[in-house]
Structures are given as structure tokens and as C-alpha cells.
Amino acid sequence: MRDFNAVIAAVLAMNGAQAWANMMPPPPPAVKVDMYSIDAKGMGPKLGHITITETLVGLMFTPDLKGLPPGERGFHVHEVGNCAPGLKDGAMTAGWSAGAHYDPAKTGKHVGPHKEGGHKGDLEVLKVGADGTAKTVAMSKSLKLNDVAGRALMIHAGGDNYSDQPEPLGGGGGRIACGVVPAL
């Protein structure tokens, strides 16, 4: 009889756990973007990935990268999902095929990720440690996964002051790493 009671208790516990699991909300939608070093010749080694998760307050960009230069780096969503070099002023330029920062409203303004009235491609700067790794989360309250699907994530050589002064587009400079956000 004791064995029978143990079996009944185990079955009830499993059914309760299954019922509890069925009541839990599904995990938030997320995609993983493989990131590669880039230069005027094309794509180089894989640097890691960035997981983009849709949350109630916008997109969360969680990097797991290594091999980057230390410091703050400009970090943006670009219009085109293409990391290939392209022709700029007669010279092949790293990541130029990705086009400009994502700006669906055609504002032409670079004001940063937390101000209204600018393009949506601005993200918080990517913080790279002295060891070349980036793991600090960046948020964007103005984007959803559908906005970034099929577009490029770009990391720039310099930081970003979220202004067009004294340098255009925040002074981020050249493009050093890129990945294409998968289609949903």
C-alpha cells in the first residue's frame, strides 16, 4: 500500500508541475545575431554574438563579444542587412553596403537612443572592457524585433556623442564589426 501511495503522490506532483508550466507565459521573442570583424576586404573572424530580446520596454541587446578594441564604441542598426564593403568616395570601405543608420521617418537627425525626433538606429554605446570583451546590455525603447529583422547591426571604431557636432553621426567613425539580424 505504501508503494501505491508513493506512485499516486508522484503522479499528482508531475501533473501539478505540468499545470504550473502551462500557466507560465512563453519566453519573450529573441534572435541571435552573429557578429564578425569587417574591413575594406570583407568579413573577418566571428567575434561572438548579440542576442536581441523584445521586452515590455523595447529591445534589449545582450552582447557576448570578444576581440574588440577597448573603450566605448558607436553601436547602431543600419538600413540594409549586408555587411559587405562598398564604394565610398572611390575607395572600398568596410561595411558600406549596410547603408545609413535606420531612419524610417527620414529625420536625418542623430540625437541618441533616448530622445524623440531622431532616427531609430541609434543604440546605447557598446562598452568594451580592457580585455576586448563586451557584455554590457544596451536598451532601445523605440524599436521592436520587426523593425530590426533583416537589417545590419554595426559597431563603429569610435564612441558616440549622440550629436552631429563636432563630427557627423556622433563621431563613431569607421565600421569595425557587423552582423545581420535574421528575418523573423
C-alpha atoms as a PDB file:
ATOM      1  CA  MET A   1       0.000   0.000   0.000  1.00  0.00           C
ATOM      2  CA  ARG A   2       2.891   2.313   0.788  1.00  0.00           C
ATOM      3  CA  ASP A   3       4.260   1.875  -2.781  1.00  0.00           C
ATOM      4  CA  PHE A   4       0.831   2.630  -4.234  1.00  0.00           C
ATOM      5  CA  ASN A   5       0.610   5.865  -2.219  1.00  0.00           C
ATOM      6  CA  ALA A   6       4.094   6.870  -3.397  1.00  0.00           C
ATOM      7  CA  VAL A   7       3.103   6.306  -7.039  1.00  0.00           C
ATOM      8  CA  ILE A   8      -0.085   8.335  -6.597  1.00  0.00           C
ATOM      9  CA  ALA A   9       1.865  11.154  -4.930  1.00  0.00           C
ATOM     10  CA  ALA A  10       4.421  11.166  -7.762  1.00  0.00           C
ATOM     11  CA  VAL A  11       1.703  11.271 -10.449  1.00  0.00           C
ATOM     12  CA  LEU A  12      -0.076  14.129  -8.690  1.00  0.00           C
ATOM     13  CA  ALA A  13       3.197  16.043  -8.322  1.00  0.00           C
ATOM     14  CA  MET A  14       4.002  15.621 -12.034  1.00  0.00           C
ATOM     15  CA  ASN A  15       0.512  16.741 -13.053  1.00  0.00           C
ATOM     16  CA  GLY A  16       0.774  19.759 -10.772  1.00  0.00           C
ATOM     17  CA  ALA A  17       4.166  20.690 -12.219  1.00  0.00           C
ATOM     18  CA  GLN A  18       2.806  20.336 -15.768  1.00  0.00           C
ATOM     19  CA  ALA A  19      -0.212  22.501 -14.923  1.00  0.00           C
ATOM     20  CA  TRP A  20       2.096  25.124 -13.424  1.00  0.00           C
ATOM     21  CA  ALA A  21       4.328  25.065 -16.520  1.00  0.00           C
ATOM     22  CA  ASN A  22       1.272  25.513 -18.762  1.00  0.00           C
ATOM     23  CA  MET A  23       0.295  28.645 -16.816  1.00  0.00           C
ATOM     24  CA  MET A  24       3.708  30.287 -17.280  1.00  0.00           C
ATOM     25  CA  PRO A  25       3.914  32.877 -20.066  1.00  0.00           C
ATOM     26  CA  PRO A  26       6.076  31.959 -23.054  1.00  0.00           C
ATOM     27  CA  PRO A  27       9.608  33.371 -23.120  1.00  0.00           C
ATOM     28  CA  PRO A  28       9.924  36.751 -24.839  1.00  0.00           C
ATOM     29  CA  PRO A  29      10.764  36.704 -28.555  1.00  0.00           C
ATOM     30  CA  ALA A  30      14.518  36.817 -29.179  1.00  0.00           C
ATOM     31  CA  VAL A  31      17.029  36.403 -32.012  1.00  0.00           C
ATOM     32  CA  LYS A  32      20.768  35.805 -32.011  1.00  0.00           C
ATOM     33  CA  VAL A  33      22.975  37.868 -34.356  1.00  0.00           C
ATOM     34  CA  ASP A  34      26.440  36.530 -35.173  1.00  0.00           C
ATOM     35  CA  MET A  35      28.929  39.415 -35.303  1.00  0.00           C
ATOM     36  CA  TYR A  36      32.082  39.494 -37.456  1.00  0.00           C
ATOM     37  CA  SER A  37      35.043  41.812 -37.755  1.00  0.00           C
ATOM     38  CA  ILE A  38      34.944  43.730 -41.045  1.00  0.00           C
ATOM     39  CA  ASP A  39      37.369  45.724 -43.155  1.00  0.00           C
ATOM     40  CA  ALA A  40      37.610  47.046 -46.718  1.00  0.00           C
ATOM     41  CA  LYS A  41      38.278  43.493 -47.969  1.00  0.00           C
ATOM     42  CA  GLY A  42      35.187  41.949 -46.359  1.00  0.00           C
ATOM     43  CA  MET A  43      34.213  39.947 -43.313  1.00  0.00           C
ATOM     44  CA  GLY A  44      36.810  38.533 -40.953  1.00  0.00           C
ATOM     45  CA  PRO A  45      36.627  36.256 -37.922  1.00  0.00           C
ATOM     46  CA  LYS A  46      33.499  35.819 -35.835  1.00  0.00           C
ATOM     47  CA  LEU A  47      33.642  37.956 -32.677  1.00  0.00           C
ATOM     48  CA  GLY A  48      30.678  36.344 -30.929  1.00  0.00           C
ATOM     49  CA  HIS A  49      27.011  37.230 -30.976  1.00  0.00           C
ATOM     50  CA  ILE A  50      24.410  39.702 -29.749  1.00  0.00           C
ATOM     51  CA  THR A  51      21.056  38.417 -28.505  1.00  0.00           C
ATOM     52  CA  ILE A  52      18.164  40.793 -29.182  1.00  0.00           C
ATOM     53  CA  THR A  53      15.171  40.271 -26.900  1.00  0.00           C
ATOM     54  CA  GLU A  54      11.829  42.039 -27.185  1.00  0.00           C
ATOM     55  CA  THR A  55      10.733  43.252 -23.745  1.00  0.00           C
ATOM     56  CA  LEU A  56       7.803  45.305 -22.476  1.00  0.00           C
ATOM     57  CA  VAL A  57      10.010  48.428 -22.608  1.00  0.00           C
ATOM     58  CA  GLY A  58      11.669  47.897 -26.003  1.00  0.00           C
ATOM     59  CA  LEU A  59      14.548  45.849 -27.335  1.00  0.00           C
ATOM     60  CA  MET A  60      17.340  44.551 -25.137  1.00  0.00           C
ATOM     61  CA  PHE A  61      20.690  43.954 -26.887  1.00  0.00           C
ATOM     62  CA  THR A  62      22.844  41.495 -24.917  1.00  0.00           C
ATOM     63  CA  PRO A  63      26.366  41.199 -26.358  1.00  0.00           C
ATOM     64  CA  ASP A  64      28.701  38.269 -25.903  1.00  0.00           C
ATOM     65  CA  LEU A  65      31.674  39.547 -27.905  1.00  0.00           C
ATOM     66  CA  LYS A  66      35.463  39.331 -27.754  1.00  0.00           C
ATOM     67  CA  GLY A  67      38.342  40.697 -29.813  1.00  0.00           C
ATOM     68  CA  LEU A  68      37.178  44.324 -29.972  1.00  0.00           C
ATOM     69  CA  PRO A  69      39.300  47.384 -29.161  1.00  0.00           C
ATOM     70  CA  PRO A  70      38.682  48.540 -25.552  1.00  0.00           C
ATOM     71  CA  GLY A  71      36.533  51.598 -24.881  1.00  0.00           C
ATOM     72  CA  GLU A  72      33.141  52.883 -25.941  1.00  0.00           C
ATOM     73  CA  ARG A  73      32.041  52.077 -29.489  1.00  0.00           C
ATOM     74  CA  GLY A  74      29.246  53.545 -31.564  1.00  0.00           C
ATOM     75  CA  PHE A  75      26.522  50.914 -31.939  1.00  0.00           C
ATOM     76  CA  HIS A  76      23.697  51.211 -34.471  1.00  0.00           C
ATOM     77  CA  VAL A  77      21.054  49.472 -36.536  1.00  0.00           C
ATOM     78  CA  HIS A  78      21.769  50.143 -40.227  1.00  0.00           C
ATOM     79  CA  GLU A  79      19.214  50.172 -43.052  1.00  0.00           C
ATOM     80  CA  VAL A  80      20.405  47.183 -45.095  1.00  0.00           C
ATOM     81  CA  GLY A  81      21.170  43.648 -43.935  1.00  0.00           C
ATOM     82  CA  ASN A  82      24.508  43.462 -45.730  1.00  0.00           C
ATOM     83  CA  CYS A  83      27.956  43.663 -44.090  1.00  0.00           C
ATOM     84  CA  ALA A  84      29.988  43.676 -47.312  1.00  0.00           C
ATOM     85  CA  PRO A  85      32.344  46.530 -48.165  1.00  0.00           C
ATOM     86  CA  GLY A  86      31.102  49.148 -50.599  1.00  0.00           C
ATOM     87  CA  LEU A  87      32.410  52.017 -52.646  1.00  0.00           C
ATOM     88  CA  LYS A  88      32.621  55.348 -50.794  1.00  0.00           C
ATOM     89  CA  ASP A  89      34.387  58.297 -52.424  1.00  0.00           C
ATOM     90  CA  GLY A  90      36.104  55.949 -54.876  1.00  0.00           C
ATOM     91  CA  ALA A  91      37.505  53.562 -52.249  1.00  0.00           C
ATOM     92  CA  MET A  92      36.246  50.272 -50.847  1.00  0.00           C
ATOM     93  CA  THR A  93      35.015  50.908 -47.302  1.00  0.00           C
ATOM     94  CA  ALA A  94      34.230  48.389 -44.543  1.00  0.00           C
ATOM     95  CA  GLY A  95      30.530  47.613 -44.118  1.00  0.00           C
ATOM     96  CA  TRP A  96      29.426  50.327 -46.529  1.00  0.00           C
ATOM     97  CA  SER A  97      26.800  48.030 -48.112  1.00  0.00           C
ATOM     98  CA  ALA A  98      24.820  48.236 -44.849  1.00  0.00           C
ATOM     99  CA  GLY A  99      23.766  51.760 -45.780  1.00  0.00           C
ATOM    100  CA  ALA A 100      22.960  54.510 -43.312  1.00  0.00           C
ATOM    101  CA  HIS A 101      21.572  54.338 -39.784  1.00  0.00           C
ATOM    102  CA  TYR A 102      17.994  53.033 -39.698  1.00  0.00           C
ATOM    103  CA  ASP A 103      15.801  56.139 -40.083  1.00  0.00           C
ATOM    104  CA  PRO A 104      12.283  55.133 -41.202  1.00  0.00           C
ATOM    105  CA  ALA A 105      10.864  58.625 -40.554  1.00  0.00           C
ATOM    106  CA  LYS A 106      13.693  60.221 -42.619  1.00  0.00           C
ATOM    107  CA  THR A 107      14.523  62.649 -39.807  1.00  0.00           C
ATOM    108  CA  GLY A 108      18.200  62.893 -40.719  1.00  0.00           C
ATOM    109  CA  LYS A 109      18.863  63.630 -37.033  1.00  0.00           C
ATOM    110  CA  HIS A 110      21.326  61.839 -34.769  1.00  0.00           C
ATOM    111  CA  VAL A 111      20.082  62.526 -31.220  1.00  0.00           C
ATOM    112  CA  GLY A 112      20.685  59.235 -29.421  1.00  0.00           C
ATOM    113  CA  PRO A 113      18.549  56.322 -28.329  1.00  0.00           C
ATOM    114  CA  HIS A 114      16.573  58.049 -25.575  1.00  0.00           C
ATOM    115  CA  LYS A 115      15.425  61.280 -27.245  1.00  0.00           C
ATOM    116  CA  GLU A 116      12.481  61.767 -29.580  1.00  0.00           C
ATOM    117  CA  GLY A 117      12.845  63.177 -33.077  1.00  0.00           C
ATOM    118  CA  GLY A 118      15.918  61.315 -34.287  1.00  0.00           C
ATOM    119  CA  HIS A 119      16.496  58.192 -36.282  1.00  0.00           C
ATOM    120  CA  LYS A 120      15.651  54.852 -34.678  1.00  0.00           C
ATOM    121  CA  GLY A 121      19.009  53.239 -35.478  1.00  0.00           C
ATOM    122  CA  ASP A 122      20.795  54.902 -32.559  1.00  0.00           C
ATOM    123  CA  LEU A 123      21.615  52.450 -29.781  1.00  0.00           C
ATOM    124  CA  GLU A 124      23.411  52.953 -26.482  1.00  0.00           C
ATOM    125  CA  VAL A 125      27.188  52.841 -26.881  1.00  0.00           C
ATOM    126  CA  LEU A 126      28.776  49.423 -26.706  1.00  0.00           C
ATOM    127  CA  LYS A 127      31.108  49.237 -23.709  1.00  0.00           C
ATOM    128  CA  VAL A 128      34.190  47.115 -24.396  1.00  0.00           C
ATOM    129  CA  GLY A 129      36.405  46.099 -21.471  1.00  0.00           C
ATOM    130  CA  ALA A 130      40.203  46.250 -21.338  1.00  0.00           C
ATOM    131  CA  ASP A 131      40.239  42.557 -22.292  1.00  0.00           C
ATOM    132  CA  GLY A 132      38.339  43.264 -25.541  1.00  0.00           C
ATOM    133  CA  THR A 133      35.059  41.731 -24.370  1.00  0.00           C
ATOM    134  CA  ALA A 134      31.627  43.346 -24.496  1.00  0.00           C
ATOM    135  CA  LYS A 135      28.885  42.014 -22.244  1.00  0.00           C
ATOM    136  CA  THR A 136      27.009  45.145 -21.081  1.00  0.00           C
ATOM    137  CA  VAL A 137      23.341  45.224 -22.114  1.00  0.00           C
ATOM    138  CA  ALA A 138      22.046  48.094 -24.281  1.00  0.00           C
ATOM    139  CA  MET A 139      18.358  49.073 -24.490  1.00  0.00           C
ATOM    140  CA  SER A 140      16.236  50.793 -27.136  1.00  0.00           C
ATOM    141  CA  LYS A 141      12.704  51.750 -26.187  1.00  0.00           C
ATOM    142  CA  SER A 142      11.816  52.844 -29.734  1.00  0.00           C
ATOM    143  CA  LEU A 143      12.430  49.516 -31.517  1.00  0.00           C
ATOM    144  CA  LYS A 144      10.666  46.169 -31.895  1.00  0.00           C
ATOM    145  CA  LEU A 145      12.062  42.950 -33.389  1.00  0.00           C
ATOM    146  CA  ASN A 146      10.082  43.532 -36.595  1.00  0.00           C
ATOM    147  CA  ASP A 147      11.913  46.865 -37.034  1.00  0.00           C
ATOM    148  CA  VAL A 148      15.384  45.296 -36.968  1.00  0.00           C
ATOM    149  CA  ALA A 149      14.720  41.974 -38.728  1.00  0.00           C
ATOM    150  CA  GLY A 150      16.799  41.754 -41.902  1.00  0.00           C
ATOM    151  CA  ARG A 151      18.892  44.820 -41.043  1.00  0.00           C
ATOM    152  CA  ALA A 152      22.559  45.124 -40.022  1.00  0.00           C
ATOM    153  CA  LEU A 153      23.911  45.683 -36.508  1.00  0.00           C
ATOM    154  CA  MET A 154      27.053  47.802 -36.770  1.00  0.00           C
ATOM    155  CA  ILE A 155      29.864  48.538 -34.315  1.00  0.00           C
ATOM    156  CA  HIS A 156      31.984  51.607 -35.080  1.00  0.00           C
ATOM    157  CA  ALA A 157      35.658  52.353 -34.382  1.00  0.00           C
ATOM    158  CA  GLY A 158      34.906  55.366 -32.166  1.00  0.00           C
ATOM    159  CA  GLY A 159      32.441  56.304 -29.460  1.00  0.00           C
ATOM    160  CA  ASP A 160      29.187  58.174 -29.984  1.00  0.00           C
ATOM    161  CA  ASN A 161      28.217  61.553 -28.524  1.00  0.00           C
ATOM    162  CA  TYR A 162      24.659  61.338 -29.957  1.00  0.00           C
ATOM    163  CA  SER A 163      25.076  64.576 -31.864  1.00  0.00           C
ATOM    164  CA  ASP A 164      26.132  65.713 -35.316  1.00  0.00           C
ATOM    165  CA  GLN A 165      28.629  68.157 -33.776  1.00  0.00           C
ATOM    166  CA  PRO A 166      31.598  68.319 -33.879  1.00  0.00           C
ATOM    167  CA  GLU A 167      31.534  65.126 -36.020  1.00  0.00           C
ATOM    168  CA  PRO A 168      28.627  63.826 -38.111  1.00  0.00           C
ATOM    169  CA  LEU A 169      26.701  60.859 -36.705  1.00  0.00           C
ATOM    170  CA  GLY A 170      28.232  61.150 -33.251  1.00  0.00           C
ATOM    171  CA  GLY A 171      31.836  60.731 -34.339  1.00  0.00           C
ATOM    172  CA  GLY A 172      31.678  56.937 -34.433  1.00  0.00           C
ATOM    173  CA  GLY A 173      33.952  56.792 -37.442  1.00  0.00           C
ATOM    174  CA  GLY A 174      34.737  53.646 -39.399  1.00  0.00           C
ATOM    175  CA  ARG A 175      32.804  50.411 -39.216  1.00  0.00           C
ATOM    176  CA  ILE A 176      34.695  47.574 -37.498  1.00  0.00           C
ATOM    177  CA  ALA A 177      32.133  44.830 -36.809  1.00  0.00           C
ATOM    178  CA  CYS A 178      28.825  43.807 -38.339  1.00  0.00           C
ATOM    179  CA  GLY A 179      26.111  41.179 -38.232  1.00  0.00           C
ATOM    180  CA  VAL A 180      22.781  40.707 -39.996  1.00  0.00           C
ATOM    181  CA  VAL A 181      19.637  40.315 -37.884  1.00  0.00           C
ATOM    182  CA  PRO A 182      17.805  37.192 -39.107  1.00  0.00           C
ATOM    183  CA  ALA A 183      14.377  37.548 -40.690  1.00  0.00           C
ATOM    184  CA  LEU A 184      11.528  36.594 -38.362  1.00  0.00           C
END
